[in-house]
Amino acid sequence: MNDVAIELKGLRKAFGATEIIRGANLRVERGERLALIGPNGAGKSTLFNLMSGFLQPTSGEILLNGEAVGGLAPDRIHHRGVARSFQISSVFHNLSVFENLRVALLWSCGHRYAFWRRLSTLHNVNERAEEMLERIGLARQRHVQAGLLTYADQRALEIGLTVIGGKDVILLDEPTAGMSRAESDAAVDMILRVTEGKTLIMVEHDMSVVFGLADRIAVLVYGEVIACDVPQSIRKNERVRDAYLGDHAEKAIA
């Protein structure tokens, strides 16, 4: 069995004459938690969009469990086992927290026209939604409209929406952006809990979150992965410090 969940081989993406991803190579092991860091404009969001099918590569390969998926549409990549969140919260603001989770689960499982059926009869779906409410810490807000949640709770709900479909590879795009330190700490605990046993790849700027979650850290600079290693080695890597971390990050990663 292939132990590599996602592999990028010589991946390139150009917009006209401007090349954003320039021969990126990366291997993410099954069950690993990997953080993708780098300066603004390094291509992190572009790389996420390539892995999830929202952009098509100019050249190179994207392998999911050893099979090429580069160029496939987002829904086909999703149904092969990849789920992702976005930088901007994408919950259904007019639905309750529970209804959000149930809709996400129905879509992920292929119940495209479930509105023709009585949702109360879908016992397995309801049970899984209830379980996710507990895991993301929103059981007490199950009947609250998602748009009325605090920002941190909306982000927690979005992570629940991403994970609930049971996909093996989870892509989280800046999951703690805009949170206070206490909210970020709580989010780290929740992410560890809901992604246990899954392959997690996340883009994150908060170094305390990165070092609290990641088994390995990949550093993207000008569209190239310049280093990928365990946190202790990244912390000491002079090339990474020169290109990204710098002295300003000393306290965050000490």
C-alpha atoms as a PDB file:
ATOM      1  CA  MET A   1       0.000   0.000   0.000  1.00  0.00           C
ATOM      2  CA  ASN A   2       1.282   3.464  -0.912  1.00  0.00           C
ATOM      3  CA  ASP A   3       2.229   5.384   2.251  1.00  0.00           C
ATOM      4  CA  VAL A   4       2.272   8.725   0.412  1.00  0.00           C
ATOM      5  CA  ALA A   5      -1.058  10.549   0.515  1.00  0.00           C
ATOM      6  CA  ILE A   6      -0.174  13.469  -1.767  1.00  0.00           C
ATOM      7  CA  GLU A   7       2.908  13.996  -3.906  1.00  0.00           C
ATOM      8  CA  LEU A   8       3.830  16.965  -6.094  1.00  0.00           C
ATOM      9  CA  LYS A   9       6.399  16.360  -8.822  1.00  0.00           C
ATOM     10  CA  GLY A  10       7.880  19.319 -10.676  1.00  0.00           C
ATOM     11  CA  LEU A  11       4.592  21.188 -10.337  1.00  0.00           C
ATOM     12  CA  ARG A  12       4.336  24.470 -12.219  1.00  0.00           C
ATOM     13  CA  LYS A  13       1.587  27.044 -12.607  1.00  0.00           C
ATOM     14  CA  ALA A  14       1.854  30.139 -14.776  1.00  0.00           C
ATOM     15  CA  PHE A  15      -0.634  32.924 -15.393  1.00  0.00           C
ATOM     16  CA  GLY A  16       0.384  34.235 -18.777  1.00  0.00           C
ATOM     17  CA  ALA A  17       4.094  34.982 -18.618  1.00  0.00           C
ATOM     18  CA  THR A  18       4.111  35.027 -14.803  1.00  0.00           C
ATOM     19  CA  GLU A  19       5.087  31.733 -13.182  1.00  0.00           C
ATOM     20  CA  ILE A  20       3.719  31.437  -9.632  1.00  0.00           C
ATOM     21  CA  ILE A  21       4.594  27.805  -8.853  1.00  0.00           C
ATOM     22  CA  ARG A  22       8.038  26.936 -10.162  1.00  0.00           C
ATOM     23  CA  GLY A  23       8.775  23.232 -10.063  1.00  0.00           C
ATOM     24  CA  ALA A  24       7.430  22.467  -6.594  1.00  0.00           C
ATOM     25  CA  ASN A  25       8.224  19.022  -5.186  1.00  0.00           C
ATOM     26  CA  LEU A  26       6.588  17.699  -2.029  1.00  0.00           C
ATOM     27  CA  ARG A  27       5.653  14.355  -0.450  1.00  0.00           C
ATOM     28  CA  VAL A  28       3.070  14.167   2.325  1.00  0.00           C
ATOM     29  CA  GLU A  29       2.841  10.857   4.151  1.00  0.00           C
ATOM     30  CA  ARG A  30      -0.482   9.237   4.989  1.00  0.00           C
ATOM     31  CA  GLY A  31      -1.666  10.394   8.424  1.00  0.00           C
ATOM     32  CA  GLU A  32       0.901  13.202   8.582  1.00  0.00           C
ATOM     33  CA  ARG A  33       0.157  16.769   9.654  1.00  0.00           C
ATOM     34  CA  LEU A  34       2.062  19.168   7.413  1.00  0.00           C
ATOM     35  CA  ALA A  35       2.083  22.971   7.616  1.00  0.00           C
ATOM     36  CA  LEU A  36       2.811  25.029   4.506  1.00  0.00           C
ATOM     37  CA  ILE A  37       4.381  28.377   5.349  1.00  0.00           C
ATOM     38  CA  GLY A  38       6.014  31.168   3.400  1.00  0.00           C
ATOM     39  CA  PRO A  39       5.921  34.921   2.776  1.00  0.00           C
ATOM     40  CA  ASN A  40       2.956  36.657   1.165  1.00  0.00           C
ATOM     41  CA  GLY A  41       3.005  36.015  -2.568  1.00  0.00           C
ATOM     42  CA  ALA A  42       4.952  32.777  -2.237  1.00  0.00           C
ATOM     43  CA  GLY A  43       2.165  30.804  -3.954  1.00  0.00           C
ATOM     44  CA  LYS A  44       0.618  28.984  -0.982  1.00  0.00           C
ATOM     45  CA  SER A  45      -2.999  29.596  -1.970  1.00  0.00           C
ATOM     46  CA  THR A  46      -2.177  28.773  -5.592  1.00  0.00           C
ATOM     47  CA  LEU A  47      -0.675  25.467  -4.463  1.00  0.00           C
ATOM     48  CA  PHE A  48      -3.811  24.696  -2.428  1.00  0.00           C
ATOM     49  CA  ASN A  49      -5.994  25.515  -5.427  1.00  0.00           C
ATOM     50  CA  LEU A  50      -3.926  23.182  -7.595  1.00  0.00           C
ATOM     51  CA  MET A  51      -4.141  20.308  -5.110  1.00  0.00           C
ATOM     52  CA  SER A  52      -7.916  20.698  -4.769  1.00  0.00           C
ATOM     53  CA  GLY A  53      -8.634  21.180  -8.480  1.00  0.00           C
ATOM     54  CA  PHE A  54      -9.658  24.837  -8.453  1.00  0.00           C
ATOM     55  CA  LEU A  55      -6.687  25.563 -10.720  1.00  0.00           C
ATOM     56  CA  GLN A  56      -5.151  23.405 -13.421  1.00  0.00           C
ATOM     57  CA  PRO A  57      -1.352  22.907 -13.443  1.00  0.00           C
ATOM     58  CA  THR A  58       0.710  24.235 -16.321  1.00  0.00           C
ATOM     59  CA  SER A  59       2.964  21.190 -16.019  1.00  0.00           C
ATOM     60  CA  GLY A  60       4.115  18.614 -13.511  1.00  0.00           C
ATOM     61  CA  GLU A  61       2.187  16.015 -11.534  1.00  0.00           C
ATOM     62  CA  ILE A  62      -0.156  15.872  -8.555  1.00  0.00           C
ATOM     63  CA  LEU A  63      -0.554  12.351  -7.194  1.00  0.00           C
ATOM     64  CA  LEU A  64      -3.239  11.346  -4.705  1.00  0.00           C
ATOM     65  CA  ASN A  65      -2.583   7.913  -3.216  1.00  0.00           C
ATOM     66  CA  GLY A  66      -0.284   7.270  -6.163  1.00  0.00           C
ATOM     67  CA  GLU A  67      -2.834   8.231  -8.836  1.00  0.00           C
ATOM     68  CA  ALA A  68      -2.568  11.347 -11.000  1.00  0.00           C
ATOM     69  CA  VAL A  69      -5.281  13.923 -10.220  1.00  0.00           C
ATOM     70  CA  GLY A  70      -3.742  17.082 -11.670  1.00  0.00           C
ATOM     71  CA  GLY A  71      -6.278  18.705 -13.960  1.00  0.00           C
ATOM     72  CA  LEU A  72      -9.339  16.948 -12.501  1.00  0.00           C
ATOM     73  CA  ALA A  73     -12.329  19.079 -11.484  1.00  0.00           C
ATOM     74  CA  PRO A  74     -12.732  19.941  -7.774  1.00  0.00           C
ATOM     75  CA  ASP A  75     -15.702  17.623  -7.280  1.00  0.00           C
ATOM     76  CA  ARG A  76     -13.816  14.657  -8.732  1.00  0.00           C
ATOM     77  CA  ILE A  77     -10.814  15.303  -6.493  1.00  0.00           C
ATOM     78  CA  HIS A  78     -13.170  15.697  -3.527  1.00  0.00           C
ATOM     79  CA  HIS A  79     -14.811  12.348  -4.181  1.00  0.00           C
ATOM     80  CA  ARG A  80     -11.379  10.740  -4.424  1.00  0.00           C
ATOM     81  CA  GLY A  81     -10.741  11.755  -0.831  1.00  0.00           C
ATOM     82  CA  VAL A  82      -9.719  15.427  -0.524  1.00  0.00           C
ATOM     83  CA  ALA A  83     -11.675  18.072   1.413  1.00  0.00           C
ATOM     84  CA  ARG A  84     -10.635  21.696   1.885  1.00  0.00           C
ATOM     85  CA  SER A  85     -11.596  24.854   3.719  1.00  0.00           C
ATOM     86  CA  PHE A  86     -11.045  28.421   2.550  1.00  0.00           C
ATOM     87  CA  GLN A  87      -9.530  31.599   4.012  1.00  0.00           C
ATOM     88  CA  ILE A  88     -12.971  33.252   4.108  1.00  0.00           C
ATOM     89  CA  SER A  89     -15.698  31.548   6.113  1.00  0.00           C
ATOM     90  CA  SER A  90     -18.112  29.753   3.780  1.00  0.00           C
ATOM     91  CA  VAL A  91     -20.871  28.575   6.117  1.00  0.00           C
ATOM     92  CA  PHE A  92     -24.581  28.865   5.270  1.00  0.00           C
ATOM     93  CA  HIS A  93     -25.418  31.875   7.412  1.00  0.00           C
ATOM     94  CA  ASN A  94     -29.213  31.407   7.398  1.00  0.00           C
ATOM     95  CA  LEU A  95     -29.108  27.740   8.438  1.00  0.00           C
ATOM     96  CA  SER A  96     -28.559  26.478  11.951  1.00  0.00           C
ATOM     97  CA  VAL A  97     -25.250  24.960  12.995  1.00  0.00           C
ATOM     98  CA  PHE A  98     -26.776  21.465  12.876  1.00  0.00           C
ATOM     99  CA  GLU A  99     -28.362  22.086   9.455  1.00  0.00           C
ATOM    100  CA  ASN A 100     -25.018  23.284   8.084  1.00  0.00           C
ATOM    101  CA  LEU A 101     -23.349  20.052   9.129  1.00  0.00           C
ATOM    102  CA  ARG A 102     -26.171  17.907   7.766  1.00  0.00           C
ATOM    103  CA  VAL A 103     -26.146  19.664   4.375  1.00  0.00           C
ATOM    104  CA  ALA A 104     -22.369  19.271   4.095  1.00  0.00           C
ATOM    105  CA  LEU A 105     -22.610  15.579   4.927  1.00  0.00           C
ATOM    106  CA  LEU A 106     -25.428  14.972   2.454  1.00  0.00           C
ATOM    107  CA  TRP A 107     -23.475  16.682  -0.327  1.00  0.00           C
ATOM    108  CA  SER A 108     -20.280  14.812   0.465  1.00  0.00           C
ATOM    109  CA  CYS A 109     -22.105  11.478   0.466  1.00  0.00           C
ATOM    110  CA  GLY A 110     -23.811  12.208  -2.853  1.00  0.00           C
ATOM    111  CA  HIS A 111     -27.379  12.917  -1.670  1.00  0.00           C
ATOM    112  CA  ARG A 112     -27.796  15.698  -4.221  1.00  0.00           C
ATOM    113  CA  TYR A 113     -31.597  15.711  -4.106  1.00  0.00           C
ATOM    114  CA  ALA A 114     -32.210  14.788  -0.501  1.00  0.00           C
ATOM    115  CA  PHE A 115     -34.604  17.738  -0.127  1.00  0.00           C
ATOM    116  CA  TRP A 116     -37.245  15.483  -1.730  1.00  0.00           C
ATOM    117  CA  ARG A 117     -36.988  13.199   1.296  1.00  0.00           C
ATOM    118  CA  ARG A 118     -37.764  13.771   4.958  1.00  0.00           C
ATOM    119  CA  LEU A 119     -34.377  14.639   6.456  1.00  0.00           C
ATOM    120  CA  SER A 120     -35.552  13.397   9.851  1.00  0.00           C
ATOM    121  CA  THR A 121     -35.574   9.871   8.407  1.00  0.00           C
ATOM    122  CA  LEU A 122     -31.863   9.966   7.498  1.00  0.00           C
ATOM    123  CA  HIS A 123     -30.822   8.607  10.889  1.00  0.00           C
ATOM    124  CA  ASN A 124     -27.200   7.900  10.067  1.00  0.00           C
ATOM    125  CA  VAL A 125     -26.728  11.403   8.669  1.00  0.00           C
ATOM    126  CA  ASN A 126     -28.322  12.979  11.736  1.00  0.00           C
ATOM    127  CA  GLU A 127     -26.188  10.881  14.085  1.00  0.00           C
ATOM    128  CA  ARG A 128     -22.992  11.860  12.311  1.00  0.00           C
ATOM    129  CA  ALA A 129     -23.969  15.534  12.397  1.00  0.00           C
ATOM    130  CA  GLU A 130     -24.661  15.266  16.141  1.00  0.00           C
ATOM    131  CA  GLU A 131     -21.290  13.612  16.682  1.00  0.00           C
ATOM    132  CA  MET A 132     -19.495  16.398  14.797  1.00  0.00           C
ATOM    133  CA  LEU A 133     -21.308  19.023  16.886  1.00  0.00           C
ATOM    134  CA  GLU A 134     -19.665  17.521  19.962  1.00  0.00           C
ATOM    135  CA  ARG A 135     -16.241  17.220  18.361  1.00  0.00           C
ATOM    136  CA  ILE A 136     -16.111  20.877  17.275  1.00  0.00           C
ATOM    137  CA  GLY A 137     -17.524  22.096  20.592  1.00  0.00           C
ATOM    138  CA  LEU A 138     -20.764  23.567  19.233  1.00  0.00           C
ATOM    139  CA  ALA A 139     -23.363  21.194  20.672  1.00  0.00           C
ATOM    140  CA  ARG A 140     -24.931  23.968  22.763  1.00  0.00           C
ATOM    141  CA  GLN A 141     -25.289  26.147  19.654  1.00  0.00           C
ATOM    142  CA  ARG A 142     -26.853  23.427  17.474  1.00  0.00           C
ATOM    143  CA  HIS A 143     -30.019  25.499  16.820  1.00  0.00           C
ATOM    144  CA  VAL A 144     -28.262  28.868  16.426  1.00  0.00           C
ATOM    145  CA  GLN A 145     -28.130  30.381  12.953  1.00  0.00           C
ATOM    146  CA  ALA A 146     -24.550  30.122  11.704  1.00  0.00           C
ATOM    147  CA  GLY A 147     -24.489  33.812  10.842  1.00  0.00           C
ATOM    148  CA  LEU A 148     -25.023  34.677  14.518  1.00  0.00           C
ATOM    149  CA  LEU A 149     -22.019  32.705  15.767  1.00  0.00           C
ATOM    150  CA  THR A 150     -18.839  34.416  16.881  1.00  0.00           C
ATOM    151  CA  TYR A 151     -16.075  34.531  14.290  1.00  0.00           C
ATOM    152  CA  ALA A 152     -14.095  31.790  16.060  1.00  0.00           C
ATOM    153  CA  ASP A 153     -17.171  29.542  16.259  1.00  0.00           C
ATOM    154  CA  GLN A 154     -17.877  30.097  12.552  1.00  0.00           C
ATOM    155  CA  ARG A 155     -14.341  28.957  11.782  1.00  0.00           C
ATOM    156  CA  ALA A 156     -14.844  25.900  14.011  1.00  0.00           C
ATOM    157  CA  LEU A 157     -18.063  25.134  12.130  1.00  0.00           C
ATOM    158  CA  GLU A 158     -16.302  25.481   8.801  1.00  0.00           C
ATOM    159  CA  ILE A 159     -13.652  22.986   9.884  1.00  0.00           C
ATOM    160  CA  GLY A 160     -16.471  20.653  10.921  1.00  0.00           C
ATOM    161  CA  LEU A 161     -18.048  21.086   7.475  1.00  0.00           C
ATOM    162  CA  THR A 162     -14.711  20.226   5.864  1.00  0.00           C
ATOM    163  CA  VAL A 163     -14.082  17.108   7.938  1.00  0.00           C
ATOM    164  CA  ILE A 164     -17.585  15.658   8.287  1.00  0.00           C
ATOM    165  CA  GLY A 165     -17.601  13.965   4.870  1.00  0.00           C
ATOM    166  CA  GLY A 166     -14.957  11.510   6.071  1.00  0.00           C
ATOM    167  CA  LYS A 167     -12.313  12.342   3.468  1.00  0.00           C
ATOM    168  CA  ASP A 168      -8.808  11.107   4.190  1.00  0.00           C
ATOM    169  CA  VAL A 169      -6.930  14.277   3.164  1.00  0.00           C
ATOM    170  CA  ILE A 170      -7.915  17.586   4.769  1.00  0.00           C
ATOM    171  CA  LEU A 171      -6.659  20.947   3.432  1.00  0.00           C
ATOM    172  CA  LEU A 172      -7.128  23.876   5.840  1.00  0.00           C
ATOM    173  CA  ASP A 173      -6.409  27.375   4.553  1.00  0.00           C
ATOM    174  CA  GLU A 174      -5.410  29.662   7.461  1.00  0.00           C
ATOM    175  CA  PRO A 175      -7.799  28.049   9.967  1.00  0.00           C
ATOM    176  CA  THR A 176      -6.923  30.432  12.832  1.00  0.00           C
ATOM    177  CA  ALA A 177      -6.636  33.705  10.895  1.00  0.00           C
ATOM    178  CA  GLY A 178      -8.174  36.614  12.822  1.00  0.00           C
ATOM    179  CA  MET A 179      -8.399  34.738  16.128  1.00  0.00           C
ATOM    180  CA  SER A 180      -7.151  35.822  19.538  1.00  0.00           C
ATOM    181  CA  ARG A 181      -4.414  33.805  21.226  1.00  0.00           C
ATOM    182  CA  ALA A 182      -6.935  31.968  23.421  1.00  0.00           C
ATOM    183  CA  GLU A 183      -9.169  31.238  20.414  1.00  0.00           C
ATOM    184  CA  SER A 184      -6.172  29.972  18.411  1.00  0.00           C
ATOM    185  CA  ASP A 185      -5.126  27.665  21.243  1.00  0.00           C
ATOM    186  CA  ALA A 186      -8.644  26.233  21.430  1.00  0.00           C
ATOM    187  CA  ALA A 187      -8.702  25.833  17.628  1.00  0.00           C
ATOM    188  CA  VAL A 188      -5.430  23.879  17.706  1.00  0.00           C
ATOM    189  CA  ASP A 189      -6.897  21.422  20.224  1.00  0.00           C
ATOM    190  CA  MET A 190     -10.049  21.061  18.136  1.00  0.00           C
ATOM    191  CA  ILE A 191      -8.145  20.537  14.865  1.00  0.00           C
ATOM    192  CA  LEU A 192      -5.999  17.851  16.482  1.00  0.00           C
ATOM    193  CA  ARG A 193      -9.171  16.144  17.693  1.00  0.00           C
ATOM    194  CA  VAL A 194     -11.195  16.180  14.458  1.00  0.00           C
ATOM    195  CA  THR A 195      -8.313  15.322  12.103  1.00  0.00           C
ATOM    196  CA  GLU A 196      -6.910  12.434  14.154  1.00  0.00           C
ATOM    197  CA  GLY A 197      -5.846   9.642  11.798  1.00  0.00           C
ATOM    198  CA  LYS A 198      -6.230  11.820   8.711  1.00  0.00           C
ATOM    199  CA  THR A 199      -3.668  13.516   6.487  1.00  0.00           C
ATOM    200  CA  LEU A 200      -3.700  17.240   7.259  1.00  0.00           C
ATOM    201  CA  ILE A 201      -2.125  19.948   5.112  1.00  0.00           C
ATOM    202  CA  MET A 202      -2.618  23.517   6.267  1.00  0.00           C
ATOM    203  CA  VAL A 203      -1.545  26.998   5.267  1.00  0.00           C
ATOM    204  CA  GLU A 204      -0.954  29.057   8.401  1.00  0.00           C
ATOM    205  CA  HIS A 205       0.878  32.278   9.288  1.00  0.00           C
ATOM    206  CA  ASP A 206       0.707  31.951  13.082  1.00  0.00           C
ATOM    207  CA  MET A 207       3.954  30.225  14.005  1.00  0.00           C
ATOM    208  CA  SER A 208       2.715  29.112  17.410  1.00  0.00           C
ATOM    209  CA  VAL A 209      -0.150  27.302  15.658  1.00  0.00           C
ATOM    210  CA  VAL A 210       2.239  25.822  13.095  1.00  0.00           C
ATOM    211  CA  PHE A 211       4.626  24.492  15.712  1.00  0.00           C
ATOM    212  CA  GLY A 212       1.712  23.258  17.829  1.00  0.00           C
ATOM    213  CA  LEU A 213       0.125  21.230  15.043  1.00  0.00           C
ATOM    214  CA  ALA A 214       2.660  20.164  12.442  1.00  0.00           C
ATOM    215  CA  ASP A 215       4.668  16.960  12.272  1.00  0.00           C
ATOM    216  CA  ARG A 216       6.624  18.583   9.440  1.00  0.00           C
ATOM    217  CA  ILE A 217       6.781  22.060   7.935  1.00  0.00           C
ATOM    218  CA  ALA A 218       7.205  22.850   4.240  1.00  0.00           C
ATOM    219  CA  VAL A 219       8.502  26.315   3.354  1.00  0.00           C
ATOM    220  CA  LEU A 220       7.382  27.804   0.041  1.00  0.00           C
ATOM    221  CA  VAL A 221       9.325  30.790  -1.347  1.00  0.00           C
ATOM    222  CA  TYR A 222       8.778  32.212  -4.834  1.00  0.00           C
ATOM    223  CA  GLY A 223       6.860  29.096  -5.864  1.00  0.00           C
ATOM    224  CA  GLU A 224       9.490  26.579  -4.742  1.00  0.00           C
ATOM    225  CA  VAL A 225       9.615  24.344  -1.667  1.00  0.00           C
ATOM    226  CA  ILE A 226      12.991  25.346  -0.227  1.00  0.00           C
ATOM    227  CA  ALA A 227      12.770  23.109   2.844  1.00  0.00           C
ATOM    228  CA  CYS A 228      10.532  20.428   4.330  1.00  0.00           C
ATOM    229  CA  ASP A 229      11.457  18.987   7.690  1.00  0.00           C
ATOM    230  CA  VAL A 230      10.426  18.480  11.296  1.00  0.00           C
ATOM    231  CA  PRO A 231       9.769  21.689  13.280  1.00  0.00           C
ATOM    232  CA  GLN A 232      13.050  21.534  15.212  1.00  0.00           C
ATOM    233  CA  SER A 233      15.079  21.447  12.005  1.00  0.00           C
ATOM    234  CA  ILE A 234      13.034  24.177  10.320  1.00  0.00           C
ATOM    235  CA  ARG A 235      13.572  26.343  13.388  1.00  0.00           C
ATOM    236  CA  LYS A 236      17.342  26.092  12.883  1.00  0.00           C
ATOM    237  CA  ASN A 237      17.429  26.242   9.079  1.00  0.00           C
ATOM    238  CA  GLU A 238      19.421  29.322   8.061  1.00  0.00           C
ATOM    239  CA  ARG A 239      17.991  29.407   4.549  1.00  0.00           C
ATOM    240  CA  VAL A 240      14.460  29.409   5.958  1.00  0.00           C
ATOM    241  CA  ARG A 241      15.340  32.164   8.418  1.00  0.00           C
ATOM    242  CA  ASP A 242      16.850  34.295   5.686  1.00  0.00           C
ATOM    243  CA  ALA A 243      13.934  33.754   3.311  1.00  0.00           C
ATOM    244  CA  TYR A 244      10.987  33.900   5.694  1.00  0.00           C
ATOM    245  CA  LEU A 245      11.213  33.514   9.444  1.00  0.00           C
ATOM    246  CA  GLY A 246      13.867  36.100  10.260  1.00  0.00           C
ATOM    247  CA  ASP A 247      14.571  37.496  13.672  1.00  0.00           C
ATOM    248  CA  HIS A 248      10.994  38.762  14.074  1.00  0.00           C
ATOM    249  CA  ALA A 249       9.797  35.142  14.451  1.00  0.00           C
ATOM    250  CA  GLU A 250      12.266  34.271  17.198  1.00  0.00           C
ATOM    251  CA  LYS A 251       9.781  34.612  20.038  1.00  0.00           C
ATOM    252  CA  ALA A 252       6.985  32.839  18.184  1.00  0.00           C
ATOM    253  CA  ILE A 253       9.008  29.692  17.565  1.00  0.00           C
ATOM    254  CA  ALA A 254      11.277  29.605  20.616  1.00  0.00           C
END
